[in-house]
Structures are given as structure tokens and as C-alpha cells.
Amino acid sequence: MHIHGLEDELFFVIEGDYELIVGGKTQRLGPGDVAVARRTIPHSYRNVSSAYGRLLVTLIPAGFENFFRELHESASSGVSELELIAGLADRYKLQIMPESAQ
């Protein structure tokens, strides 16, 4: 579960079956389905089928792609991925919710 402070997140399912939770409401999505998680609303998603899944995810407005670029560039630093994400989260107004809040 996470919150984007600046971006709305759009999900388009290409393959697989997904569970999307937005603001405490659960949706099941399959190929061709589209859903939106608005900024500041807690959300999460996961592939719930045993098959491979593919999503097209768009974040609006642009800019959050730099989060992934920085994460990738720092991957060989020896720091764990969770620590890297935590270090970038404030800069990109991303809040990771504790598991107890999910």
C-alpha cells in the first residue's frame, strides 16, 4: 500500500488478473480493464492469477519516472532496495504504508 502525493496512477491490464485496492475498496481487474488511483489516496495492486501478468501503468503528471531511474542507478550501491526506496520516497512525495495499515 502506498500514496503518491503528486501523481494520479492509471492502470491498464494487458494480461493477468489483478486486485486493486484504492481507498479501502477492492476491485478485480482483467485484460482490457482500466482503473485509476488518485493522488493522496492509499492504494496497492497485485497479480492474483497463477499466470504471468502485465500492466501498463501511467503516472500523471510526468516526473515520477525519475524515481525509477534513480532507483535503477543506485541498485549496485550495495544498499538494499527497501533502503533505496525509503531514501527516495520523500523527494518524490511517495509514502509507503506500514503493513499494519493495510
PDB file of N, CA and C in Angstrom:
ATOM      1  N   MET A   1       0.861  -1.164   0.000  1.00  0.00           N
ATOM      2  CA  MET A   1       0.000   0.000   0.000  1.00  0.00           C
ATOM      3  C   MET A   1       0.909   1.229   0.000  1.00  0.00           C
ATOM      4  N   HIS A   2       0.574   2.188  -0.847  1.00  0.00           N
ATOM      5  CA  HIS A   2       1.366   3.413  -0.919  1.00  0.00           C
ATOM      6  C   HIS A   2       0.476   4.578  -1.353  1.00  0.00           C
ATOM      7  N   ILE A   3       1.038   5.776  -1.206  1.00  0.00           N
ATOM      8  CA  ILE A   3       0.331   7.006  -1.567  1.00  0.00           C
ATOM      9  C   ILE A   3       1.281   7.879  -2.390  1.00  0.00           C
ATOM     10  N   HIS A   4       0.805   8.334  -3.527  1.00  0.00           N
ATOM     11  CA  HIS A   4       1.536   9.325  -4.309  1.00  0.00           C
ATOM     12  C   HIS A   4       0.995  10.699  -3.931  1.00  0.00           C
ATOM     13  N   GLY A   5       1.877  11.594  -3.564  1.00  0.00           N
ATOM     14  CA  GLY A   5       1.453  12.931  -3.196  1.00  0.00           C
ATOM     15  C   GLY A   5       1.245  13.857  -4.369  1.00  0.00           C
ATOM     16  N   LEU A   6       1.843  13.511  -5.526  1.00  0.00           N
ATOM     17  CA  LEU A   6       1.809  14.419  -6.678  1.00  0.00           C
ATOM     18  C   LEU A   6       1.123  13.848  -7.905  1.00  0.00           C
ATOM     19  N   GLU A   7       1.025  12.521  -8.008  1.00  0.00           N
ATOM     20  CA  GLU A   7       0.566  11.901  -9.244  1.00  0.00           C
ATOM     21  C   GLU A   7      -0.701  11.076  -9.056  1.00  0.00           C
ATOM     22  N   ASP A   8      -1.527  11.056 -10.101  1.00  0.00           N
ATOM     23  CA  ASP A   8      -2.596  10.081 -10.222  1.00  0.00           C
ATOM     24  C   ASP A   8      -1.984   8.886 -10.957  1.00  0.00           C
ATOM     25  N   GLU A   9      -2.446   7.676 -10.636  1.00  0.00           N
ATOM     26  CA  GLU A   9      -1.884   6.466 -11.238  1.00  0.00           C
ATOM     27  C   GLU A   9      -2.997   5.739 -11.991  1.00  0.00           C
ATOM     28  N   LEU A  10      -2.752   5.489 -13.271  1.00  0.00           N
ATOM     29  CA  LEU A  10      -3.711   4.815 -14.136  1.00  0.00           C
ATOM     30  C   LEU A  10      -3.186   3.413 -14.445  1.00  0.00           C
ATOM     31  N   PHE A  11      -4.055   2.407 -14.309  1.00  0.00           N
ATOM     32  CA  PHE A  11      -3.690   1.011 -14.545  1.00  0.00           C
ATOM     33  C   PHE A  11      -4.495   0.482 -15.724  1.00  0.00           C
ATOM     34  N   PHE A  12      -3.825  -0.101 -16.704  1.00  0.00           N
ATOM     35  CA  PHE A  12      -4.466  -0.784 -17.824  1.00  0.00           C
ATOM     36  C   PHE A  12      -3.930  -2.209 -17.832  1.00  0.00           C
ATOM     37  N   VAL A  13      -4.815  -3.186 -17.667  1.00  0.00           N
ATOM     38  CA  VAL A  13      -4.392  -4.589 -17.610  1.00  0.00           C
ATOM     39  C   VAL A  13      -4.245  -5.129 -19.020  1.00  0.00           C
ATOM     40  N   ILE A  14      -3.045  -5.615 -19.320  1.00  0.00           N
ATOM     41  CA  ILE A  14      -2.760  -6.243 -20.610  1.00  0.00           C
ATOM     42  C   ILE A  14      -2.980  -7.754 -20.507  1.00  0.00           C
ATOM     43  N   GLU A  15      -2.409  -8.363 -19.473  1.00  0.00           N
ATOM     44  CA  GLU A  15      -2.553  -9.799 -19.223  1.00  0.00           C
ATOM     45  C   GLU A  15      -2.679 -10.029 -17.729  1.00  0.00           C
ATOM     46  N   GLY A  16      -3.398 -11.073 -17.352  1.00  0.00           N
ATOM     47  CA  GLY A  16      -3.489 -11.460 -15.953  1.00  0.00           C
ATOM     48  C   GLY A  16      -4.736 -10.930 -15.284  1.00  0.00           C
ATOM     49  N   ASP A  17      -4.880 -11.315 -14.049  1.00  0.00           N
ATOM     50  CA  ASP A  17      -5.985 -10.857 -13.208  1.00  0.00           C
ATOM     51  C   ASP A  17      -5.375 -10.145 -12.014  1.00  0.00           C
ATOM     52  N   TYR A  18      -5.844  -8.943 -11.748  1.00  0.00           N
ATOM     53  CA  TYR A  18      -5.266  -8.108 -10.703  1.00  0.00           C
ATOM     54  C   TYR A  18      -6.305  -7.739  -9.661  1.00  0.00           C
ATOM     55  N   GLU A  19      -5.805  -7.546  -8.462  1.00  0.00           N
ATOM     56  CA  GLU A  19      -6.593  -6.983  -7.388  1.00  0.00           C
ATOM     57  C   GLU A  19      -6.027  -5.601  -7.129  1.00  0.00           C
ATOM     58  N   LEU A  20      -6.891  -4.611  -7.191  1.00  0.00           N
ATOM     59  CA  LEU A  20      -6.504  -3.225  -6.937  1.00  0.00           C
ATOM     60  C   LEU A  20      -7.305  -2.742  -5.740  1.00  0.00           C
ATOM     61  N   ILE A  21      -6.612  -2.229  -4.755  1.00  0.00           N
ATOM     62  CA  ILE A  21      -7.268  -1.650  -3.592  1.00  0.00           C
ATOM     63  C   ILE A  21      -6.996  -0.150  -3.621  1.00  0.00           C
ATOM     64  N   VAL A  22      -8.062   0.635  -3.658  1.00  0.00           N
ATOM     65  CA  VAL A  22      -7.963   2.098  -3.688  1.00  0.00           C
ATOM     66  C   VAL A  22      -8.892   2.646  -2.619  1.00  0.00           C
ATOM     67  N   GLY A  23      -8.306   3.359  -1.663  1.00  0.00           N
ATOM     68  CA  GLY A  23      -9.115   3.963  -0.607  1.00  0.00           C
ATOM     69  C   GLY A  23      -9.952   2.953   0.157  1.00  0.00           C
ATOM     70  N   GLY A  24      -9.424   1.753   0.339  1.00  0.00           N
ATOM     71  CA  GLY A  24     -10.120   0.719   1.091  1.00  0.00           C
ATOM     72  C   GLY A  24     -11.111  -0.104   0.285  1.00  0.00           C
ATOM     73  N   LYS A  25     -11.331   0.235  -0.973  1.00  0.00           N
ATOM     74  CA  LYS A  25     -12.248  -0.518  -1.832  1.00  0.00           C
ATOM     75  C   LYS A  25     -11.459  -1.413  -2.781  1.00  0.00           C
ATOM     76  N   THR A  26     -11.864  -2.679  -2.876  1.00  0.00           N
ATOM     77  CA  THR A  26     -11.164  -3.662  -3.693  1.00  0.00           C
ATOM     78  C   THR A  26     -11.875  -3.857  -5.021  1.00  0.00           C
ATOM     79  N   GLN A  27     -11.086  -3.878  -6.098  1.00  0.00           N
ATOM     80  CA  GLN A  27     -11.597  -4.143  -7.442  1.00  0.00           C
ATOM     81  C   GLN A  27     -10.821  -5.309  -8.036  1.00  0.00           C
ATOM     82  N   ARG A  28     -11.481  -6.139  -8.823  1.00  0.00           N
ATOM     83  CA  ARG A  28     -10.803  -7.168  -9.613  1.00  0.00           C
ATOM     84  C   ARG A  28     -10.735  -6.658 -11.044  1.00  0.00           C
ATOM     85  N   LEU A  29      -9.567  -6.757 -11.633  1.00  0.00           N
ATOM     86  CA  LEU A  29      -9.344  -6.267 -12.992  1.00  0.00           C
ATOM     87  C   LEU A  29      -8.788  -7.381 -13.856  1.00  0.00           C
ATOM     88  N   GLY A  30      -9.264  -7.457 -15.093  1.00  0.00           N
ATOM     89  CA  GLY A  30      -8.755  -8.420 -16.059  1.00  0.00           C
ATOM     90  C   GLY A  30      -8.321  -7.707 -17.322  1.00  0.00           C
ATOM     91  N   PRO A  31      -7.869  -8.469 -18.318  1.00  0.00           N
ATOM     92  CA  PRO A  31      -7.389  -7.867 -19.561  1.00  0.00           C
ATOM     93  C   PRO A  31      -8.391  -6.877 -20.158  1.00  0.00           C
ATOM     94  N   GLY A  32      -7.889  -5.689 -20.469  1.00  0.00           N
ATOM     95  CA  GLY A  32      -8.708  -4.626 -21.045  1.00  0.00           C
ATOM     96  C   GLY A  32      -9.313  -3.688 -20.023  1.00  0.00           C
ATOM     97  N   ASP A  33      -9.264  -4.052 -18.747  1.00  0.00           N
ATOM     98  CA  ASP A  33      -9.827  -3.189 -17.713  1.00  0.00           C
ATOM     99  C   ASP A  33      -8.883  -2.034 -17.380  1.00  0.00           C
ATOM    100  N   VAL A  34      -9.483  -0.920 -16.985  1.00  0.00           N
ATOM    101  CA  VAL A  34      -8.743   0.288 -16.620  1.00  0.00           C
ATOM    102  C   VAL A  34      -9.250   0.764 -15.261  1.00  0.00           C
ATOM    103  N   ALA A  35      -8.333   1.248 -14.435  1.00  0.00           N
ATOM    104  CA  ALA A  35      -8.704   1.816 -13.137  1.00  0.00           C
ATOM    105  C   ALA A  35      -7.748   2.957 -12.809  1.00  0.00           C
ATOM    106  N   VAL A  36      -8.186   3.826 -11.915  1.00  0.00           N
ATOM    107  CA  VAL A  36      -7.394   4.990 -11.517  1.00  0.00           C
ATOM    108  C   VAL A  36      -7.274   5.043 -10.003  1.00  0.00           C
ATOM    109  N   ALA A  37      -6.081   5.358  -9.540  1.00  0.00           N
ATOM    110  CA  ALA A  37      -5.840   5.667  -8.125  1.00  0.00           C
ATOM    111  C   ALA A  37      -5.421   7.137  -8.084  1.00  0.00           C
ATOM    112  N   ARG A  38      -6.256   7.957  -7.513  1.00  0.00           N
ATOM    113  CA  ARG A  38      -5.982   9.398  -7.445  1.00  0.00           C
ATOM    114  C   ARG A  38      -4.890   9.690  -6.420  1.00  0.00           C
ATOM    115  N   ARG A  39      -4.156  10.750  -6.660  1.00  0.00           N
ATOM    116  CA  ARG A  39      -3.116  11.173  -5.714  1.00  0.00           C
ATOM    117  C   ARG A  39      -3.711  11.350  -4.326  1.00  0.00           C
ATOM    118  N   THR A  40      -2.911  11.095  -3.348  1.00  0.00           N
ATOM    119  CA  THR A  40      -3.207  11.193  -1.909  1.00  0.00           C
ATOM    120  C   THR A  40      -4.126  10.085  -1.393  1.00  0.00           C
ATOM    121  N   ILE A  41      -4.562   9.154  -2.255  1.00  0.00           N
ATOM    122  CA  ILE A  41      -5.426   8.050  -1.835  1.00  0.00           C
ATOM    123  C   ILE A  41      -4.568   6.784  -1.720  1.00  0.00           C
ATOM    124  N   PRO A  42      -4.564   6.112  -0.563  1.00  0.00           N
ATOM    125  CA  PRO A  42      -3.776   4.873  -0.415  1.00  0.00           C
ATOM    126  C   PRO A  42      -4.250   3.823  -1.419  1.00  0.00           C
ATOM    127  N   HIS A  43      -3.286   3.132  -2.033  1.00  0.00           N
ATOM    128  CA  HIS A  43      -3.628   2.095  -2.989  1.00  0.00           C
ATOM    129  C   HIS A  43      -2.526   1.048  -3.093  1.00  0.00           C
ATOM    130  N   SER A  44      -2.924  -0.113  -3.581  1.00  0.00           N
ATOM    131  CA  SER A  44      -1.978  -1.196  -3.861  1.00  0.00           C
ATOM    132  C   SER A  44      -2.571  -2.052  -4.965  1.00  0.00           C
ATOM    133  N   TYR A  45      -1.726  -2.851  -5.587  1.00  0.00           N
ATOM    134  CA  TYR A  45      -2.188  -3.764  -6.624  1.00  0.00           C
ATOM    135  C   TYR A  45      -1.303  -4.998  -6.633  1.00  0.00           C
ATOM    136  N   ARG A  46      -1.897  -6.113  -7.108  1.00  0.00           N
ATOM    137  CA  ARG A  46      -1.122  -7.339  -7.218  1.00  0.00           C
ATOM    138  C   ARG A  46      -1.793  -8.267  -8.219  1.00  0.00           C
ATOM    139  N   ASN A  47      -0.988  -9.073  -8.859  1.00  0.00           N
ATOM    140  CA  ASN A  47      -1.479 -10.096  -9.772  1.00  0.00           C
ATOM    141  C   ASN A  47      -2.015 -11.235  -8.912  1.00  0.00           C
ATOM    142  N   VAL A  48      -3.286 -11.592  -9.070  1.00  0.00           N
ATOM    143  CA  VAL A  48      -3.891 -12.638  -8.252  1.00  0.00           C
ATOM    144  C   VAL A  48      -4.092 -13.939  -9.024  1.00  0.00           C
ATOM    145  N   SER A  49      -3.652 -13.989 -10.268  1.00  0.00           N
ATOM    146  CA  SER A  49      -3.746 -15.229 -11.027  1.00  0.00           C
ATOM    147  C   SER A  49      -2.426 -15.980 -10.919  1.00  0.00           C
ATOM    148  N   SER A  50      -2.468 -17.247 -11.250  1.00  0.00           N
ATOM    149  CA  SER A  50      -1.232 -18.045 -11.230  1.00  0.00           C
ATOM    150  C   SER A  50      -0.432 -17.823 -12.503  1.00  0.00           C
ATOM    151  N   ALA A  51      -1.016 -17.127 -13.467  1.00  0.00           N
ATOM    152  CA  ALA A  51      -0.352 -16.859 -14.741  1.00  0.00           C
ATOM    153  C   ALA A  51       0.414 -15.541 -14.687  1.00  0.00           C
ATOM    154  N   TYR A  52       1.257 -15.377 -15.652  1.00  0.00           N
ATOM    155  CA  TYR A  52       2.014 -14.150 -15.850  1.00  0.00           C
ATOM    156  C   TYR A  52       1.051 -12.987 -16.048  1.00  0.00           C
ATOM    157  N   GLY A  53       1.376 -11.830 -15.527  1.00  0.00           N
ATOM    158  CA  GLY A  53       0.548 -10.654 -15.706  1.00  0.00           C
ATOM    159  C   GLY A  53       1.360  -9.491 -16.246  1.00  0.00           C
ATOM    160  N   ARG A  54       0.699  -8.621 -16.986  1.00  0.00           N
ATOM    161  CA  ARG A  54       1.338  -7.405 -17.488  1.00  0.00           C
ATOM    162  C   ARG A  54       0.371  -6.244 -17.342  1.00  0.00           C
ATOM    163  N   LEU A  55       0.898  -5.131 -16.857  1.00  0.00           N
ATOM    164  CA  LEU A  55       0.147  -3.889 -16.685  1.00  0.00           C
ATOM    165  C   LEU A  55       0.837  -2.770 -17.439  1.00  0.00           C
ATOM    166  N   LEU A  56       0.063  -1.857 -17.938  1.00  0.00           N
ATOM    167  CA  LEU A  56       0.579  -0.583 -18.406  1.00  0.00           C
ATOM    168  C   LEU A  56       0.170   0.415 -17.339  1.00  0.00           C
ATOM    169  N   VAL A  57       1.156   1.008 -16.675  1.00  0.00           N
ATOM    170  CA  VAL A  57       0.893   1.949 -15.593  1.00  0.00           C
ATOM    171  C   VAL A  57       1.370   3.329 -16.038  1.00  0.00           C
ATOM    172  N   THR A  58       0.486   4.310 -15.898  1.00  0.00           N
ATOM    173  CA  THR A  58       0.809   5.683 -16.266  1.00  0.00           C
ATOM    174  C   THR A  58       0.631   6.568 -15.041  1.00  0.00           C
ATOM    175  N   LEU A  59       1.632   7.387 -14.773  1.00  0.00           N
ATOM    176  CA  LEU A  59       1.548   8.340 -13.667  1.00  0.00           C
ATOM    177  C   LEU A  59       1.461   9.749 -14.254  1.00  0.00           C
ATOM    178  N   ILE A  60       0.471  10.504 -13.785  1.00  0.00           N
ATOM    179  CA  ILE A  60       0.190  11.819 -14.342  1.00  0.00           C
ATOM    180  C   ILE A  60       0.161  12.830 -13.200  1.00  0.00           C
ATOM    181  N   PRO A  61       0.907  13.926 -13.273  1.00  0.00           N
ATOM    182  CA  PRO A  61       1.779  14.369 -14.357  1.00  0.00           C
ATOM    183  C   PRO A  61       3.106  13.604 -14.365  1.00  0.00           C
ATOM    184  N   ALA A  62       3.861  13.841 -15.402  1.00  0.00           N
ATOM    185  CA  ALA A  62       5.164  13.199 -15.564  1.00  0.00           C
ATOM    186  C   ALA A  62       6.123  13.628 -14.458  1.00  0.00           C
ATOM    187  N   GLY A  63       7.157  12.848 -14.265  1.00  0.00           N
ATOM    188  CA  GLY A  63       8.206  13.166 -13.293  1.00  0.00           C
ATOM    189  C   GLY A  63       8.569  11.991 -12.423  1.00  0.00           C
ATOM    190  N   PHE A  64       7.586  11.127 -12.119  1.00  0.00           N
ATOM    191  CA  PHE A  64       7.855  10.001 -11.233  1.00  0.00           C
ATOM    192  C   PHE A  64       8.756   8.960 -11.894  1.00  0.00           C
ATOM    193  N   GLU A  65       8.863   8.994 -13.223  1.00  0.00           N
ATOM    194  CA  GLU A  65       9.777   8.074 -13.907  1.00  0.00           C
ATOM    195  C   GLU A  65      11.207   8.260 -13.421  1.00  0.00           C
ATOM    196  N   ASN A  66      11.527   9.463 -12.936  1.00  0.00           N
ATOM    197  CA  ASN A  66      12.866   9.716 -12.400  1.00  0.00           C
ATOM    198  C   ASN A  66      13.116   8.954 -11.104  1.00  0.00           C
ATOM    199  N   PHE A  67      12.067   8.646 -10.348  1.00  0.00           N
ATOM    200  CA  PHE A  67      12.190   7.792  -9.165  1.00  0.00           C
ATOM    201  C   PHE A  67      12.767   6.434  -9.586  1.00  0.00           C
ATOM    202  N   PHE A  68      12.181   5.842 -10.635  1.00  0.00           N
ATOM    203  CA  PHE A  68      12.646   4.536 -11.101  1.00  0.00           C
ATOM    204  C   PHE A  68      14.059   4.616 -11.685  1.00  0.00           C
ATOM    205  N   ARG A  69      14.349   5.718 -12.364  1.00  0.00           N
ATOM    206  CA  ARG A  69      15.696   5.915 -12.925  1.00  0.00           C
ATOM    207  C   ARG A  69      16.732   5.971 -11.791  1.00  0.00           C
ATOM    208  N   GLU A  70      16.448   6.751 -10.762  1.00  0.00           N
ATOM    209  CA  GLU A  70      17.375   6.855  -9.631  1.00  0.00           C
ATOM    210  C   GLU A  70      17.498   5.532  -8.886  1.00  0.00           C
ATOM    211  N   LEU A  71      16.394   4.831  -8.739  1.00  0.00           N
ATOM    212  CA  LEU A  71      16.418   3.524  -8.077  1.00  0.00           C
ATOM    213  C   LEU A  71      17.310   2.558  -8.847  1.00  0.00           C
ATOM    214  N   HIS A  72      17.169   2.539 -10.159  1.00  0.00           N
ATOM    215  CA  HIS A  72      17.987   1.664 -11.003  1.00  0.00           C
ATOM    216  C   HIS A  72      19.469   2.046 -10.919  1.00  0.00           C
ATOM    217  N   GLU A  73      19.762   3.329 -10.996  1.00  0.00           N
ATOM    218  CA  GLU A  73      21.156   3.792 -10.971  1.00  0.00           C
ATOM    219  C   GLU A  73      21.831   3.494  -9.639  1.00  0.00           C
ATOM    220  N   SER A  74      21.057   3.400  -8.559  1.00  0.00           N
ATOM    221  CA  SER A  74      21.608   3.140  -7.230  1.00  0.00           C
ATOM    222  C   SER A  74      21.640   1.659  -6.875  1.00  0.00           C
ATOM    223  N   ALA A  75      21.112   0.814  -7.745  1.00  0.00           N
ATOM    224  CA  ALA A  75      20.961  -0.610  -7.431  1.00  0.00           C
ATOM    225  C   ALA A  75      22.283  -1.302  -7.124  1.00  0.00           C
ATOM    226  N   SER A  76      23.367  -0.877  -7.718  1.00  0.00           N
ATOM    227  CA  SER A  76      24.655  -1.531  -7.494  1.00  0.00           C
ATOM    228  C   SER A  76      25.424  -0.923  -6.321  1.00  0.00           C
ATOM    229  N   SER A  77      24.784  -0.082  -5.528  1.00  0.00           N
ATOM    230  CA  SER A  77      25.458   0.606  -4.429  1.00  0.00           C
ATOM    231  C   SER A  77      25.673  -0.277  -3.206  1.00  0.00           C
ATOM    232  N   GLY A  78      25.035  -1.455  -3.187  1.00  0.00           N
ATOM    233  CA  GLY A  78      25.147  -2.335  -2.026  1.00  0.00           C
ATOM    234  C   GLY A  78      24.090  -2.085  -0.975  1.00  0.00           C
ATOM    235  N   VAL A  79      23.267  -1.063  -1.161  1.00  0.00           N
ATOM    236  CA  VAL A  79      22.181  -0.752  -0.234  1.00  0.00           C
ATOM    237  C   VAL A  79      20.961  -1.564  -0.663  1.00  0.00           C
ATOM    238  N   SER A  80      20.176  -2.050   0.302  1.00  0.00           N
ATOM    239  CA  SER A  80      19.001  -2.848  -0.038  1.00  0.00           C
ATOM    240  C   SER A  80      17.985  -2.007  -0.800  1.00  0.00           C
ATOM    241  N   GLU A  81      17.155  -2.679  -1.585  1.00  0.00           N
ATOM    242  CA  GLU A  81      16.142  -1.985  -2.374  1.00  0.00           C
ATOM    243  C   GLU A  81      15.179  -1.210  -1.476  1.00  0.00           C
ATOM    244  N   LEU A  82      14.805  -1.797  -0.360  1.00  0.00           N
ATOM    245  CA  LEU A  82      13.899  -1.098   0.561  1.00  0.00           C
ATOM    246  C   LEU A  82      14.530   0.178   1.108  1.00  0.00           C
ATOM    247  N   GLU A  83      15.816   0.137   1.416  1.00  0.00           N
ATOM    248  CA  GLU A  83      16.504   1.338   1.894  1.00  0.00           C
ATOM    249  C   GLU A  83      16.593   2.396   0.803  1.00  0.00           C
ATOM    250  N   LEU A  84      16.832   1.950  -0.440  1.00  0.00           N
ATOM    251  CA  LEU A  84      16.886   2.892  -1.559  1.00  0.00           C
ATOM    252  C   LEU A  84      15.531   3.573  -1.761  1.00  0.00           C
ATOM    253  N   ILE A  85      14.463   2.788  -1.716  1.00  0.00           N
ATOM    254  CA  ILE A  85      13.121   3.341  -1.882  1.00  0.00           C
ATOM    255  C   ILE A  85      12.827   4.341  -0.770  1.00  0.00           C
ATOM    256  N   ALA A  86      13.149   3.978   0.455  1.00  0.00           N
ATOM    257  CA  ALA A  86      12.917   4.881   1.588  1.00  0.00           C
ATOM    258  C   ALA A  86      13.687   6.187   1.408  1.00  0.00           C
ATOM    259  N   GLY A  87      14.899   6.099   0.876  1.00  0.00           N
ATOM    260  CA  GLY A  87      15.703   7.292   0.675  1.00  0.00           C
ATOM    261  C   GLY A  87      15.165   8.216  -0.405  1.00  0.00           C
ATOM    262  N   LEU A  88      14.481   7.655  -1.393  1.00  0.00           N
ATOM    263  CA  LEU A  88      13.930   8.459  -2.489  1.00  0.00           C
ATOM    264  C   LEU A  88      12.498   8.926  -2.233  1.00  0.00           C
ATOM    265  N   ALA A  89      11.811   8.260  -1.333  1.00  0.00           N
ATOM    266  CA  ALA A  89      10.379   8.487  -1.140  1.00  0.00           C
ATOM    267  C   ALA A  89      10.035   9.945  -0.831  1.00  0.00           C
ATOM    268  N   ASP A  90      10.744  10.568   0.070  1.00  0.00           N
ATOM    269  CA  ASP A  90      10.432  11.961   0.429  1.00  0.00           C
ATOM    270  C   ASP A  90      10.559  12.893  -0.765  1.00  0.00           C
ATOM    271  N   ARG A  91      11.626  12.710  -1.523  1.00  0.00           N
ATOM    272  CA  ARG A  91      11.865  13.593  -2.667  1.00  0.00           C
ATOM    273  C   ARG A  91      10.737  13.499  -3.698  1.00  0.00           C
ATOM    274  N   TYR A  92      10.158  12.308  -3.835  1.00  0.00           N
ATOM    275  CA  TYR A  92       9.097  12.098  -4.827  1.00  0.00           C
ATOM    276  C   TYR A  92       7.703  12.082  -4.209  1.00  0.00           C
ATOM    277  N   LYS A  93       7.593  12.522  -2.955  1.00  0.00           N
ATOM    278  CA  LYS A  93       6.294  12.598  -2.258  1.00  0.00           C
ATOM    279  C   LYS A  93       5.556  11.263  -2.308  1.00  0.00           C
ATOM    280  N   LEU A  94       6.313  10.179  -2.070  1.00  0.00           N
ATOM    281  CA  LEU A  94       5.776   8.831  -2.024  1.00  0.00           C
ATOM    282  C   LEU A  94       5.768   8.366  -0.579  1.00  0.00           C
ATOM    283  N   GLN A  95       4.626   7.899  -0.133  1.00  0.00           N
ATOM    284  CA  GLN A  95       4.518   7.389   1.230  1.00  0.00           C
ATOM    285  C   GLN A  95       4.198   5.902   1.158  1.00  0.00           C
ATOM    286  N   ILE A  96       5.076   5.084   1.755  1.00  0.00           N
ATOM    287  CA  ILE A  96       4.852   3.651   1.840  1.00  0.00           C
ATOM    288  C   ILE A  96       4.125   3.389   3.148  1.00  0.00           C
ATOM    289  N   MET A  97       2.987   2.746   3.065  1.00  0.00           N
ATOM    290  CA  MET A  97       2.173   2.485   4.261  1.00  0.00           C
ATOM    291  C   MET A  97       2.722   1.265   4.999  1.00  0.00           C
ATOM    292  N   PRO A  98       2.768   1.308   6.331  1.00  0.00           N
ATOM    293  CA  PRO A  98       3.186   0.136   7.076  1.00  0.00           C
ATOM    294  C   PRO A  98       2.189  -1.007   6.874  1.00  0.00           C
ATOM    295  N   GLU A  99       2.682  -2.238   6.947  1.00  0.00           N
ATOM    296  CA  GLU A  99       1.807  -3.392   6.704  1.00  0.00           C
ATOM    297  C   GLU A  99       0.608  -3.407   7.641  1.00  0.00           C
ATOM    298  N   SER A 100       0.763  -2.895   8.842  1.00  0.00           N
ATOM    299  CA  SER A 100      -0.352  -2.883   9.796  1.00  0.00           C
ATOM    300  C   SER A 100      -1.490  -1.982   9.343  1.00  0.00           C
ATOM    301  N   ALA A 101      -1.181  -1.007   8.454  1.00  0.00           N
ATOM    302  CA  ALA A 101      -2.218  -0.093   7.957  1.00  0.00           C
ATOM    303  C   ALA A 101      -2.936  -0.652   6.737  1.00  0.00           C
ATOM    304  N   GLN A 102      -2.460  -1.772   6.242  1.00  0.00           N
ATOM    305  CA  GLN A 102      -3.045  -2.337   5.039  1.00  0.00           C
ATOM    306  C   GLN A 102      -4.173  -3.204   5.428  1.00  0.00           C
TER     307      GLN A 102
END
